[in-house]
Amino acid sequence: MLIDIVTLFPNMFVGPFDESMLWKAREKGLVEINIHDLRKWGEGERKTVDDKPYGGGPGMLIRVDIIDGVLKDLKKQNSKVILMDAGGKKFTQQKAVEFAKSDHLIILCGHYEGFDYRINEHLVDKVISIGDYVLTGGEIPAMIITDAVIRLIPGVLGAGMDATVSESHTNPGIVEYPQYTRPENYNGWEVPGVLKTGNHAEIDKWRQQESEKRSRSI
């Protein structure tokens, strides 16, 4: 998979993709991540990418012609373009699964007051939000999406794709059952007895019940 991330602040991405499973995925050649400075496509000596909104109002907007130039340079025949926007559709595990099937993702990180809305309407495939709150920019949401997608690529997780089958939110609204390890007793806090019985049918039944209980509580 190829992931191109376009941002006004490329230095924010120094480090997050260089550790743990994401680093291993890159080392194995399972994913290539490129960080692009949006100002590369800017105008004039100052590499301007934004302008004032028509009709007035605070802040600046990233221009449609600038983003069109970005996409003309980066898009391939099978690219999927994702725009990070607080007004977009909620990012879910199901969307992560969908995106993980793509060969090429282009993620556009917003800043200032956002994007000229013609970008939403005409130039991107998905407009995505990570939640009902506003951040200073789209860089952290882009990191979240990248992490969630890469771990679903076959070969990335050491335990294989089985590791993602029963985890939280793989099925909408369902979270994973509780899990425990040693010590068996700590400060009087006991591991549930059923997990020590070796009776796999009873363990599976308990896990299903606990998963349903946790799911009802969120």
N, C-alpha and C. Protein backbone atom coordinates (compact mmCIF):
# COMPACT_ATOMS: atom_id res chain seq x y z
N MET A 1 0.84 -1.19 0.00
CA MET A 1 0.00 0.00 0.00
C MET A 1 0.88 1.24 0.00
N LEU A 2 0.43 2.25 -0.72
CA LEU A 2 1.07 3.56 -0.72
C LEU A 2 0.15 4.57 -0.05
N ILE A 3 0.71 5.34 0.91
CA ILE A 3 -0.05 6.39 1.57
C ILE A 3 0.70 7.71 1.40
N ASP A 4 0.05 8.67 0.77
CA ASP A 4 0.59 10.02 0.62
C ASP A 4 -0.19 10.95 1.54
N ILE A 5 0.51 11.64 2.42
CA ILE A 5 -0.12 12.58 3.35
C ILE A 5 0.33 13.99 2.99
N VAL A 6 -0.62 14.89 2.80
CA VAL A 6 -0.33 16.26 2.39
C VAL A 6 -0.65 17.19 3.56
N THR A 7 0.32 18.00 3.97
CA THR A 7 0.19 18.78 5.20
C THR A 7 0.98 20.07 5.12
N LEU A 8 0.56 21.05 5.87
CA LEU A 8 1.33 22.28 6.02
C LEU A 8 2.43 22.13 7.07
N PHE A 9 2.38 21.06 7.85
CA PHE A 9 3.32 20.88 8.95
C PHE A 9 3.94 19.48 8.90
N PRO A 10 4.79 19.23 7.92
CA PRO A 10 5.36 17.89 7.76
C PRO A 10 6.18 17.41 8.95
N ASN A 11 6.76 18.33 9.72
CA ASN A 11 7.58 17.91 10.86
C ASN A 11 6.75 17.26 11.97
N MET A 12 5.44 17.45 11.94
CA MET A 12 4.60 16.78 12.94
C MET A 12 4.62 15.27 12.77
N PHE A 13 5.03 14.81 11.60
CA PHE A 13 5.01 13.37 11.32
C PHE A 13 6.35 12.70 11.59
N VAL A 14 7.31 13.47 12.08
CA VAL A 14 8.60 12.89 12.43
C VAL A 14 8.43 12.09 13.73
N GLY A 15 8.56 10.79 13.65
CA GLY A 15 8.46 9.95 14.84
C GLY A 15 7.28 9.00 14.88
N PRO A 16 6.02 9.46 14.67
CA PRO A 16 4.88 8.57 14.87
C PRO A 16 4.89 7.31 14.01
N PHE A 17 5.48 7.38 12.82
CA PHE A 17 5.48 6.21 11.95
C PHE A 17 6.80 5.44 12.00
N ASP A 18 7.65 5.79 12.96
CA ASP A 18 8.98 5.19 13.03
C ASP A 18 9.13 4.22 14.21
N GLU A 19 8.02 3.81 14.78
CA GLU A 19 8.06 2.91 15.93
C GLU A 19 7.07 1.76 15.73
N SER A 20 7.28 0.69 16.49
CA SER A 20 6.33 -0.39 16.64
C SER A 20 5.92 -1.01 15.30
N MET A 21 4.65 -1.38 15.18
CA MET A 21 4.16 -2.10 14.02
C MET A 21 4.24 -1.28 12.73
N LEU A 22 4.07 0.04 12.84
CA LEU A 22 4.11 0.85 11.64
C LEU A 22 5.51 0.87 11.04
N TRP A 23 6.52 0.94 11.92
CA TRP A 23 7.89 0.86 11.45
C TRP A 23 8.16 -0.50 10.81
N LYS A 24 7.70 -1.57 11.45
CA LYS A 24 7.91 -2.91 10.92
C LYS A 24 7.23 -3.08 9.56
N ALA A 25 6.03 -2.51 9.42
CA ALA A 25 5.32 -2.61 8.15
C ALA A 25 6.11 -1.92 7.04
N ARG A 26 6.71 -0.78 7.36
CA ARG A 26 7.52 -0.08 6.37
C ARG A 26 8.79 -0.85 6.05
N GLU A 27 9.41 -1.42 7.09
CA GLU A 27 10.63 -2.20 6.89
C GLU A 27 10.36 -3.43 6.02
N LYS A 28 9.21 -4.05 6.19
CA LYS A 28 8.86 -5.24 5.41
C LYS A 28 8.44 -4.89 3.98
N GLY A 29 8.27 -3.60 3.70
CA GLY A 29 7.82 -3.20 2.37
C GLY A 29 6.33 -3.37 2.16
N LEU A 30 5.57 -3.52 3.27
CA LEU A 30 4.12 -3.70 3.15
C LEU A 30 3.40 -2.37 2.93
N VAL A 31 4.04 -1.27 3.33
CA VAL A 31 3.45 0.04 3.14
C VAL A 31 4.56 1.06 2.91
N GLU A 32 4.27 2.03 2.06
CA GLU A 32 5.16 3.17 1.85
C GLU A 32 4.39 4.43 2.24
N ILE A 33 4.97 5.23 3.13
CA ILE A 33 4.32 6.47 3.59
C ILE A 33 5.17 7.65 3.15
N ASN A 34 4.56 8.56 2.39
CA ASN A 34 5.24 9.77 1.96
C ASN A 34 4.54 10.99 2.57
N ILE A 35 5.31 11.90 3.14
CA ILE A 35 4.78 13.13 3.72
C ILE A 35 5.14 14.28 2.78
N HIS A 36 4.12 15.01 2.33
CA HIS A 36 4.32 16.10 1.37
C HIS A 36 3.97 17.44 2.00
N ASP A 37 4.86 18.40 1.84
CA ASP A 37 4.61 19.76 2.29
C ASP A 37 3.69 20.45 1.29
N LEU A 38 2.51 20.86 1.74
CA LEU A 38 1.54 21.50 0.85
C LEU A 38 2.12 22.73 0.16
N ARG A 39 3.05 23.40 0.82
CA ARG A 39 3.61 24.62 0.23
C ARG A 39 4.45 24.35 -1.01
N LYS A 40 4.78 23.12 -1.26
CA LYS A 40 5.44 22.77 -2.51
C LYS A 40 4.60 23.19 -3.71
N TRP A 41 3.28 23.22 -3.51
CA TRP A 41 2.36 23.60 -4.59
C TRP A 41 1.88 25.05 -4.44
N GLY A 42 2.47 25.80 -3.49
CA GLY A 42 2.03 27.16 -3.23
C GLY A 42 2.45 28.14 -4.32
N GLU A 43 1.85 29.34 -4.25
CA GLU A 43 2.08 30.38 -5.26
C GLU A 43 3.05 31.44 -4.76
N GLY A 44 3.91 31.94 -5.66
CA GLY A 44 4.76 33.08 -5.34
C GLY A 44 5.91 32.76 -4.42
N GLU A 45 6.62 33.81 -4.03
CA GLU A 45 7.79 33.64 -3.18
C GLU A 45 7.43 33.06 -1.81
N ARG A 46 6.25 33.39 -1.32
CA ARG A 46 5.84 32.91 0.01
C ARG A 46 5.13 31.56 -0.04
N LYS A 47 4.98 31.00 -1.24
CA LYS A 47 4.33 29.70 -1.42
C LYS A 47 2.94 29.69 -0.79
N THR A 48 2.14 30.68 -1.14
CA THR A 48 0.81 30.86 -0.56
C THR A 48 -0.14 29.76 -1.02
N VAL A 49 -0.90 29.19 -0.07
CA VAL A 49 -1.86 28.13 -0.39
C VAL A 49 -3.28 28.48 0.04
N ASP A 50 -3.47 29.65 0.68
CA ASP A 50 -4.76 29.98 1.26
C ASP A 50 -5.18 31.40 0.88
N ASP A 51 -6.45 31.72 1.19
CA ASP A 51 -6.96 33.08 0.94
C ASP A 51 -8.18 33.31 1.82
N LYS A 52 -8.63 34.59 1.84
CA LYS A 52 -9.78 34.96 2.67
C LYS A 52 -11.07 34.38 2.11
N PRO A 53 -12.03 34.05 2.99
CA PRO A 53 -13.30 33.50 2.52
C PRO A 53 -14.20 34.56 1.87
N TYR A 54 -14.85 34.20 0.79
CA TYR A 54 -15.88 35.06 0.22
C TYR A 54 -17.01 35.24 1.23
N GLY A 55 -17.55 36.45 1.30
CA GLY A 55 -18.63 36.73 2.23
C GLY A 55 -18.14 37.15 3.59
N GLY A 56 -16.82 37.17 3.79
CA GLY A 56 -16.26 37.58 5.07
C GLY A 56 -16.22 36.46 6.08
N GLY A 57 -15.67 36.76 7.23
CA GLY A 57 -15.55 35.78 8.31
C GLY A 57 -14.10 35.62 8.72
N PRO A 58 -13.89 34.95 9.85
CA PRO A 58 -12.53 34.81 10.38
C PRO A 58 -11.71 33.79 9.62
N GLY A 59 -10.39 33.94 9.70
CA GLY A 59 -9.49 32.92 9.20
C GLY A 59 -9.32 32.89 7.70
N MET A 60 -8.61 31.86 7.26
CA MET A 60 -8.27 31.67 5.86
C MET A 60 -8.67 30.26 5.43
N LEU A 61 -8.87 30.10 4.13
CA LEU A 61 -9.25 28.80 3.57
C LEU A 61 -8.18 28.31 2.59
N ILE A 62 -7.93 27.02 2.61
CA ILE A 62 -7.03 26.42 1.62
C ILE A 62 -7.73 26.39 0.27
N ARG A 63 -7.02 26.84 -0.75
CA ARG A 63 -7.62 27.10 -2.06
C ARG A 63 -7.84 25.83 -2.87
N VAL A 64 -8.92 25.85 -3.65
CA VAL A 64 -9.29 24.71 -4.47
C VAL A 64 -8.27 24.46 -5.57
N ASP A 65 -7.71 25.54 -6.17
CA ASP A 65 -6.76 25.35 -7.27
C ASP A 65 -5.46 24.73 -6.77
N ILE A 66 -5.08 25.05 -5.54
CA ILE A 66 -3.87 24.47 -4.96
C ILE A 66 -4.05 22.96 -4.77
N ILE A 67 -5.17 22.56 -4.19
CA ILE A 67 -5.42 21.13 -3.96
C ILE A 67 -5.58 20.39 -5.28
N ASP A 68 -6.19 21.02 -6.27
CA ASP A 68 -6.30 20.39 -7.58
C ASP A 68 -4.92 20.10 -8.15
N GLY A 69 -3.99 21.03 -7.97
CA GLY A 69 -2.62 20.81 -8.43
C GLY A 69 -1.94 19.66 -7.70
N VAL A 70 -2.18 19.58 -6.39
CA VAL A 70 -1.63 18.48 -5.59
C VAL A 70 -2.10 17.14 -6.15
N LEU A 71 -3.41 17.04 -6.37
CA LEU A 71 -3.98 15.76 -6.78
C LEU A 71 -3.59 15.40 -8.21
N LYS A 72 -3.43 16.38 -9.06
CA LYS A 72 -2.96 16.08 -10.42
C LYS A 72 -1.57 15.45 -10.40
N ASP A 73 -0.75 15.85 -9.42
CA ASP A 73 0.59 15.30 -9.31
C ASP A 73 0.62 13.94 -8.60
N LEU A 74 -0.26 13.73 -7.61
CA LEU A 74 -0.16 12.54 -6.78
C LEU A 74 -1.11 11.41 -7.17
N LYS A 75 -2.25 11.73 -7.76
CA LYS A 75 -3.26 10.70 -8.01
C LYS A 75 -2.81 9.70 -9.06
N LYS A 76 -3.20 8.46 -8.80
CA LYS A 76 -3.02 7.39 -9.76
C LYS A 76 -4.41 6.87 -10.14
N GLN A 77 -4.46 5.89 -11.00
CA GLN A 77 -5.75 5.39 -11.48
C GLN A 77 -6.61 4.82 -10.36
N ASN A 78 -5.95 4.22 -9.35
CA ASN A 78 -6.70 3.54 -8.29
C ASN A 78 -6.61 4.27 -6.95
N SER A 79 -6.33 5.56 -6.96
CA SER A 79 -6.17 6.31 -5.71
C SER A 79 -7.52 6.59 -5.05
N LYS A 80 -7.50 6.62 -3.70
CA LYS A 80 -8.65 7.07 -2.93
C LYS A 80 -8.20 8.30 -2.15
N VAL A 81 -8.92 9.42 -2.32
CA VAL A 81 -8.53 10.68 -1.70
C VAL A 81 -9.41 10.93 -0.47
N ILE A 82 -8.78 11.13 0.68
CA ILE A 82 -9.48 11.34 1.95
C ILE A 82 -9.18 12.75 2.45
N LEU A 83 -10.22 13.51 2.72
CA LEU A 83 -10.09 14.86 3.27
C LEU A 83 -10.43 14.84 4.75
N MET A 84 -9.53 15.31 5.59
CA MET A 84 -9.80 15.39 7.02
C MET A 84 -10.56 16.67 7.32
N ASP A 85 -11.76 16.52 7.90
CA ASP A 85 -12.64 17.67 8.12
C ASP A 85 -13.56 17.35 9.29
N ALA A 86 -13.68 18.26 10.24
CA ALA A 86 -14.53 18.03 11.41
C ALA A 86 -15.99 17.83 11.02
N GLY A 87 -16.37 18.27 9.83
CA GLY A 87 -17.75 18.09 9.38
C GLY A 87 -17.95 16.85 8.54
N GLY A 88 -16.94 15.98 8.47
CA GLY A 88 -17.04 14.77 7.66
C GLY A 88 -17.75 13.63 8.37
N LYS A 89 -17.82 12.49 7.70
CA LYS A 89 -18.42 11.30 8.29
C LYS A 89 -17.47 10.69 9.31
N LYS A 90 -18.04 10.11 10.34
CA LYS A 90 -17.24 9.56 11.44
C LYS A 90 -16.36 8.40 10.95
N PHE A 91 -15.11 8.43 11.38
CA PHE A 91 -14.21 7.32 11.11
C PHE A 91 -14.55 6.16 12.03
N THR A 92 -14.68 4.98 11.46
CA THR A 92 -15.03 3.78 12.21
C THR A 92 -14.10 2.64 11.82
N GLN A 93 -14.18 1.55 12.56
CA GLN A 93 -13.39 0.37 12.20
C GLN A 93 -13.79 -0.15 10.82
N GLN A 94 -15.07 -0.01 10.48
CA GLN A 94 -15.52 -0.47 9.18
C GLN A 94 -14.89 0.36 8.05
N LYS A 95 -14.73 1.66 8.28
CA LYS A 95 -14.05 2.50 7.28
C LYS A 95 -12.56 2.14 7.20
N ALA A 96 -11.96 1.80 8.35
CA ALA A 96 -10.57 1.36 8.33
C ALA A 96 -10.41 0.12 7.47
N VAL A 97 -11.33 -0.83 7.62
CA VAL A 97 -11.30 -2.05 6.81
C VAL A 97 -11.45 -1.70 5.33
N GLU A 98 -12.37 -0.79 5.02
CA GLU A 98 -12.58 -0.36 3.63
C GLU A 98 -11.31 0.26 3.06
N PHE A 99 -10.70 1.18 3.82
CA PHE A 99 -9.51 1.87 3.33
C PHE A 99 -8.32 0.92 3.19
N ALA A 100 -8.26 -0.10 4.05
CA ALA A 100 -7.15 -1.05 4.02
C ALA A 100 -7.15 -1.89 2.74
N LYS A 101 -8.25 -1.92 2.04
CA LYS A 101 -8.35 -2.65 0.77
C LYS A 101 -7.83 -1.83 -0.41
N SER A 102 -7.51 -0.58 -0.17
CA SER A 102 -7.04 0.31 -1.23
C SER A 102 -5.55 0.10 -1.48
N ASP A 103 -5.14 0.35 -2.71
CA ASP A 103 -3.72 0.30 -3.04
C ASP A 103 -3.03 1.62 -2.75
N HIS A 104 -3.80 2.71 -2.81
CA HIS A 104 -3.20 4.04 -2.67
C HIS A 104 -4.17 4.99 -1.97
N LEU A 105 -3.75 5.52 -0.84
CA LEU A 105 -4.53 6.53 -0.13
C LEU A 105 -3.80 7.86 -0.19
N ILE A 106 -4.55 8.93 -0.45
CA ILE A 106 -4.04 10.29 -0.34
C ILE A 106 -4.84 10.96 0.77
N ILE A 107 -4.17 11.42 1.83
CA ILE A 107 -4.85 12.04 2.96
C ILE A 107 -4.49 13.52 2.99
N LEU A 108 -5.50 14.38 2.94
CA LEU A 108 -5.32 15.82 2.94
C LEU A 108 -5.60 16.36 4.34
N CYS A 109 -4.61 17.01 4.93
CA CYS A 109 -4.74 17.56 6.28
C CYS A 109 -5.13 19.03 6.22
N GLY A 110 -6.25 19.37 6.82
CA GLY A 110 -6.71 20.74 6.83
C GLY A 110 -6.02 21.58 7.88
N HIS A 111 -6.16 22.90 7.74
CA HIS A 111 -5.66 23.84 8.74
C HIS A 111 -6.39 25.16 8.54
N TYR A 112 -6.05 26.15 9.33
CA TYR A 112 -6.75 27.44 9.29
C TYR A 112 -8.24 27.19 9.53
N GLU A 113 -9.10 27.81 8.69
CA GLU A 113 -10.55 27.59 8.83
C GLU A 113 -11.04 26.43 7.99
N GLY A 114 -10.11 25.74 7.33
CA GLY A 114 -10.50 24.58 6.55
C GLY A 114 -10.24 24.76 5.06
N PHE A 115 -11.06 24.07 4.26
CA PHE A 115 -10.88 24.03 2.82
C PHE A 115 -12.01 24.77 2.10
N ASP A 116 -11.69 25.34 0.96
CA ASP A 116 -12.72 25.78 0.02
C ASP A 116 -13.64 24.58 -0.22
N TYR A 117 -14.94 24.77 -0.07
CA TYR A 117 -15.87 23.63 -0.08
C TYR A 117 -15.94 22.93 -1.43
N ARG A 118 -15.48 23.58 -2.48
CA ARG A 118 -15.46 22.91 -3.78
C ARG A 118 -14.51 21.71 -3.78
N ILE A 119 -13.55 21.71 -2.87
CA ILE A 119 -12.67 20.54 -2.72
C ILE A 119 -13.50 19.36 -2.23
N ASN A 120 -14.34 19.59 -1.22
CA ASN A 120 -15.23 18.53 -0.72
C ASN A 120 -16.14 18.02 -1.82
N GLU A 121 -16.67 18.95 -2.61
CA GLU A 121 -17.70 18.61 -3.59
C GLU A 121 -17.15 17.91 -4.83
N HIS A 122 -15.94 18.25 -5.23
CA HIS A 122 -15.50 17.82 -6.55
C HIS A 122 -14.18 17.05 -6.61
N LEU A 123 -13.35 17.12 -5.58
CA LEU A 123 -11.98 16.60 -5.73
C LEU A 123 -11.65 15.40 -4.86
N VAL A 124 -12.46 15.08 -3.86
CA VAL A 124 -12.10 13.99 -2.95
C VAL A 124 -13.15 12.88 -2.97
N ASP A 125 -12.73 11.71 -2.48
CA ASP A 125 -13.64 10.56 -2.43
C ASP A 125 -14.36 10.45 -1.10
N LYS A 126 -13.67 10.80 0.00
CA LYS A 126 -14.26 10.69 1.33
C LYS A 126 -13.87 11.91 2.16
N VAL A 127 -14.84 12.44 2.90
CA VAL A 127 -14.57 13.50 3.88
C VAL A 127 -14.79 12.87 5.25
N ILE A 128 -13.72 12.86 6.06
CA ILE A 128 -13.72 12.06 7.27
C ILE A 128 -13.40 12.90 8.50
N SER A 129 -14.14 12.65 9.59
CA SER A 129 -13.90 13.23 10.91
C SER A 129 -13.57 12.11 11.87
N ILE A 130 -12.72 12.38 12.86
CA ILE A 130 -12.45 11.34 13.86
C ILE A 130 -13.30 11.51 15.11
N GLY A 131 -14.18 12.52 15.15
CA GLY A 131 -15.04 12.67 16.32
C GLY A 131 -15.68 14.04 16.40
N ASP A 132 -16.57 14.21 17.35
CA ASP A 132 -17.32 15.45 17.50
C ASP A 132 -16.54 16.47 18.32
N TYR A 133 -15.40 16.86 17.81
CA TYR A 133 -14.58 17.89 18.44
C TYR A 133 -13.67 18.46 17.36
N VAL A 134 -13.04 19.59 17.67
CA VAL A 134 -12.22 20.28 16.68
C VAL A 134 -10.77 20.34 17.17
N LEU A 135 -9.84 19.96 16.31
CA LEU A 135 -8.43 20.04 16.60
C LEU A 135 -7.81 21.21 15.82
N THR A 136 -6.54 21.48 16.08
CA THR A 136 -5.89 22.59 15.38
C THR A 136 -5.63 22.29 13.92
N GLY A 137 -5.65 21.04 13.55
CA GLY A 137 -5.42 20.67 12.16
C GLY A 137 -5.71 19.21 11.92
N GLY A 138 -5.53 18.77 10.68
CA GLY A 138 -5.85 17.39 10.31
C GLY A 138 -4.70 16.42 10.46
N GLU A 139 -3.56 16.87 11.03
CA GLU A 139 -2.40 16.00 11.10
C GLU A 139 -2.60 14.83 12.05
N ILE A 140 -3.07 15.09 13.27
CA ILE A 140 -3.29 13.99 14.22
C ILE A 140 -4.38 13.04 13.72
N PRO A 141 -5.51 13.53 13.19
CA PRO A 141 -6.46 12.60 12.58
C PRO A 141 -5.86 11.76 11.46
N ALA A 142 -4.98 12.34 10.65
CA ALA A 142 -4.34 11.58 9.58
C ALA A 142 -3.48 10.46 10.16
N MET A 143 -2.79 10.74 11.27
CA MET A 143 -1.99 9.71 11.94
C MET A 143 -2.88 8.57 12.44
N ILE A 144 -4.02 8.93 13.01
CA ILE A 144 -4.95 7.92 13.53
C ILE A 144 -5.44 7.01 12.42
N ILE A 145 -5.86 7.60 11.32
CA ILE A 145 -6.35 6.81 10.18
C ILE A 145 -5.24 5.91 9.64
N THR A 146 -4.05 6.46 9.51
CA THR A 146 -2.93 5.68 8.98
C THR A 146 -2.63 4.49 9.86
N ASP A 147 -2.61 4.69 11.17
CA ASP A 147 -2.35 3.60 12.11
C ASP A 147 -3.44 2.54 12.02
N ALA A 148 -4.69 2.97 12.04
CA ALA A 148 -5.82 2.02 12.02
C ALA A 148 -5.84 1.20 10.73
N VAL A 149 -5.44 1.82 9.63
CA VAL A 149 -5.47 1.13 8.33
C VAL A 149 -4.29 0.18 8.19
N ILE A 150 -3.10 0.63 8.53
CA ILE A 150 -1.90 -0.18 8.30
C ILE A 150 -1.95 -1.48 9.08
N ARG A 151 -2.46 -1.45 10.31
CA ARG A 151 -2.47 -2.67 11.12
C ARG A 151 -3.39 -3.74 10.53
N LEU A 152 -4.26 -3.36 9.60
CA LEU A 152 -5.15 -4.32 8.96
C LEU A 152 -4.57 -4.94 7.69
N ILE A 153 -3.43 -4.43 7.25
CA ILE A 153 -2.79 -4.99 6.06
C ILE A 153 -2.24 -6.37 6.39
N PRO A 154 -2.57 -7.39 5.59
CA PRO A 154 -2.05 -8.73 5.87
C PRO A 154 -0.53 -8.74 6.01
N GLY A 155 -0.05 -9.37 7.08
CA GLY A 155 1.37 -9.48 7.33
C GLY A 155 1.92 -8.47 8.30
N VAL A 156 1.13 -7.45 8.65
CA VAL A 156 1.62 -6.40 9.56
C VAL A 156 1.64 -6.89 11.00
N LEU A 157 0.55 -7.46 11.47
CA LEU A 157 0.48 -7.96 12.85
C LEU A 157 1.12 -9.33 12.94
N GLY A 158 1.94 -9.52 13.94
CA GLY A 158 2.66 -10.77 14.08
C GLY A 158 1.76 -11.97 14.23
N ALA A 159 0.58 -11.77 14.85
CA ALA A 159 -0.35 -12.88 15.08
C ALA A 159 -1.22 -13.14 13.87
N GLY A 160 -1.01 -12.39 12.78
CA GLY A 160 -1.82 -12.57 11.59
C GLY A 160 -3.16 -11.88 11.71
N MET A 161 -3.98 -12.01 10.70
CA MET A 161 -5.26 -11.31 10.66
C MET A 161 -6.24 -11.82 11.71
N ASP A 162 -5.98 -13.00 12.31
CA ASP A 162 -6.84 -13.48 13.38
C ASP A 162 -6.86 -12.49 14.54
N ALA A 163 -5.80 -11.71 14.69
CA ALA A 163 -5.72 -10.76 15.79
C ALA A 163 -6.74 -9.65 15.67
N THR A 164 -7.27 -9.42 14.47
CA THR A 164 -8.22 -8.33 14.27
C THR A 164 -9.66 -8.80 14.18
N VAL A 165 -9.89 -10.11 14.23
CA VAL A 165 -11.24 -10.62 13.99
C VAL A 165 -12.18 -10.36 15.16
N SER A 166 -11.69 -10.59 16.40
CA SER A 166 -12.58 -10.50 17.57
C SER A 166 -12.38 -9.24 18.38
N GLU A 167 -11.56 -8.31 17.90
CA GLU A 167 -11.28 -7.13 18.70
C GLU A 167 -12.44 -6.14 18.65
N SER A 168 -12.37 -5.13 19.51
CA SER A 168 -13.44 -4.16 19.65
C SER A 168 -13.73 -3.46 18.32
N HIS A 169 -15.03 -3.30 18.04
CA HIS A 169 -15.56 -2.52 16.92
C HIS A 169 -15.38 -3.18 15.56
N THR A 170 -14.82 -4.41 15.51
CA THR A 170 -14.79 -5.11 14.23
C THR A 170 -16.22 -5.32 13.76
N ASN A 171 -17.10 -5.69 14.70
CA ASN A 171 -18.54 -5.68 14.45
C ASN A 171 -19.09 -4.41 15.07
N PRO A 172 -19.85 -3.60 14.31
CA PRO A 172 -20.30 -2.30 14.82
C PRO A 172 -21.00 -2.41 16.17
N GLY A 173 -20.58 -1.58 17.12
CA GLY A 173 -21.22 -1.53 18.42
C GLY A 173 -20.80 -2.60 19.39
N ILE A 174 -19.89 -3.48 18.98
CA ILE A 174 -19.46 -4.59 19.83
C ILE A 174 -18.01 -4.36 20.25
N VAL A 175 -17.76 -4.45 21.57
CA VAL A 175 -16.39 -4.34 22.07
C VAL A 175 -15.92 -5.69 22.59
N GLU A 176 -14.62 -5.84 22.65
CA GLU A 176 -14.01 -7.12 23.01
C GLU A 176 -14.23 -7.46 24.48
N TYR A 177 -14.21 -8.75 24.78
CA TYR A 177 -14.34 -9.23 26.16
C TYR A 177 -13.10 -8.86 26.96
N PRO A 178 -13.20 -8.82 28.32
CA PRO A 178 -12.03 -8.53 29.16
C PRO A 178 -11.02 -9.68 29.08
N GLN A 179 -9.76 -9.33 29.22
CA GLN A 179 -8.71 -10.35 29.24
C GLN A 179 -7.79 -10.13 30.45
N TYR A 180 -7.16 -11.21 30.91
CA TYR A 180 -6.35 -11.18 32.13
C TYR A 180 -5.08 -11.99 31.94
N THR A 181 -4.05 -11.64 32.71
CA THR A 181 -2.81 -12.42 32.73
C THR A 181 -2.28 -12.48 34.16
N ARG A 182 -1.10 -13.04 34.36
CA ARG A 182 -0.53 -13.15 35.70
C ARG A 182 -0.16 -11.78 36.28
N PRO A 183 -0.19 -11.64 37.61
CA PRO A 183 -0.46 -12.67 38.63
C PRO A 183 -1.96 -12.99 38.76
N GLU A 184 -2.23 -14.21 39.19
CA GLU A 184 -3.61 -14.67 39.32
C GLU A 184 -4.39 -13.88 40.35
N ASN A 185 -3.70 -13.48 41.41
CA ASN A 185 -4.30 -12.67 42.47
C ASN A 185 -3.38 -11.48 42.74
N TYR A 186 -3.93 -10.30 42.65
CA TYR A 186 -3.14 -9.11 42.93
C TYR A 186 -3.97 -8.15 43.77
N ASN A 187 -3.50 -7.88 44.98
CA ASN A 187 -4.23 -7.00 45.91
C ASN A 187 -5.64 -7.48 46.18
N GLY A 188 -5.85 -8.81 46.06
CA GLY A 188 -7.19 -9.36 46.26
C GLY A 188 -8.06 -9.32 45.01
N TRP A 189 -7.51 -8.84 43.91
CA TRP A 189 -8.25 -8.79 42.64
C TRP A 189 -7.96 -10.09 41.89
N GLU A 190 -8.99 -10.92 41.78
CA GLU A 190 -8.83 -12.26 41.23
C GLU A 190 -9.14 -12.31 39.74
N VAL A 191 -8.40 -13.15 39.04
CA VAL A 191 -8.77 -13.51 37.66
C VAL A 191 -10.06 -14.32 37.72
N PRO A 192 -11.06 -14.04 36.87
CA PRO A 192 -12.29 -14.82 36.89
C PRO A 192 -12.03 -16.32 36.81
N GLY A 193 -12.72 -17.06 37.68
CA GLY A 193 -12.46 -18.49 37.80
C GLY A 193 -12.66 -19.28 36.53
N VAL A 194 -13.65 -18.92 35.72
CA VAL A 194 -13.95 -19.68 34.51
C VAL A 194 -12.76 -19.73 33.57
N LEU A 195 -11.91 -18.70 33.59
CA LEU A 195 -10.77 -18.65 32.67
C LEU A 195 -9.67 -19.63 33.06
N LYS A 196 -9.77 -20.18 34.28
CA LYS A 196 -8.75 -21.12 34.77
C LYS A 196 -9.23 -22.57 34.71
N THR A 197 -10.43 -22.79 34.18
CA THR A 197 -10.99 -24.14 34.19
C THR A 197 -10.48 -25.02 33.05
N GLY A 198 -10.05 -24.42 31.96
CA GLY A 198 -9.67 -25.21 30.80
C GLY A 198 -10.86 -25.67 29.97
N ASN A 199 -12.06 -25.29 30.38
CA ASN A 199 -13.29 -25.66 29.65
C ASN A 199 -13.55 -24.59 28.59
N HIS A 200 -13.15 -24.87 27.36
CA HIS A 200 -13.19 -23.85 26.32
C HIS A 200 -14.61 -23.45 25.92
N ALA A 201 -15.53 -24.37 26.02
CA ALA A 201 -16.92 -24.03 25.71
C ALA A 201 -17.45 -23.02 26.72
N GLU A 202 -17.16 -23.24 28.01
CA GLU A 202 -17.60 -22.31 29.05
C GLU A 202 -16.85 -20.98 28.96
N ILE A 203 -15.58 -21.04 28.60
CA ILE A 203 -14.80 -19.81 28.43
C ILE A 203 -15.37 -18.97 27.29
N ASP A 204 -15.68 -19.63 26.17
CA ASP A 204 -16.26 -18.91 25.02
C ASP A 204 -17.61 -18.28 25.40
N LYS A 205 -18.41 -19.04 26.14
CA LYS A 205 -19.71 -18.53 26.58
C LYS A 205 -19.53 -17.31 27.47
N TRP A 206 -18.58 -17.38 28.43
CA TRP A 206 -18.30 -16.26 29.34
C TRP A 206 -17.83 -15.05 28.56
N ARG A 207 -16.93 -15.27 27.61
CA ARG A 207 -16.41 -14.15 26.81
C ARG A 207 -17.51 -13.47 26.01
N GLN A 208 -18.43 -14.26 25.45
CA GLN A 208 -19.55 -13.69 24.71
C GLN A 208 -20.42 -12.84 25.62
N GLN A 209 -20.73 -13.36 26.79
CA GLN A 209 -21.56 -12.62 27.74
C GLN A 209 -20.89 -11.31 28.18
N GLU A 210 -19.58 -11.38 28.47
CA GLU A 210 -18.86 -10.19 28.91
C GLU A 210 -18.72 -9.16 27.80
N SER A 211 -18.56 -9.64 26.57
CA SER A 211 -18.50 -8.73 25.43
C SER A 211 -19.82 -7.98 25.27
N GLU A 212 -20.92 -8.70 25.41
CA GLU A 212 -22.24 -8.07 25.30
C GLU A 212 -22.45 -7.07 26.44
N LYS A 213 -22.01 -7.43 27.64
CA LYS A 213 -22.16 -6.54 28.79
C LYS A 213 -21.36 -5.25 28.58
N ARG A 214 -20.11 -5.37 28.14
CA ARG A 214 -19.29 -4.18 27.89
C ARG A 214 -19.87 -3.33 26.76
N SER A 215 -20.42 -3.99 25.75
CA SER A 215 -20.98 -3.25 24.61
C SER A 215 -22.19 -2.43 25.01
N ARG A 216 -23.00 -2.97 25.93
CA ARG A 216 -24.18 -2.23 26.40
C ARG A 216 -23.80 -1.00 27.22
N SER A 217 -22.60 -1.00 27.78
CA SER A 217 -22.20 0.07 28.68
C SER A 217 -21.58 1.28 27.95
N ILE A 218 -21.34 1.16 26.65
CA ILE A 218 -20.73 2.28 25.93
C ILE A 218 -21.76 3.09 25.16
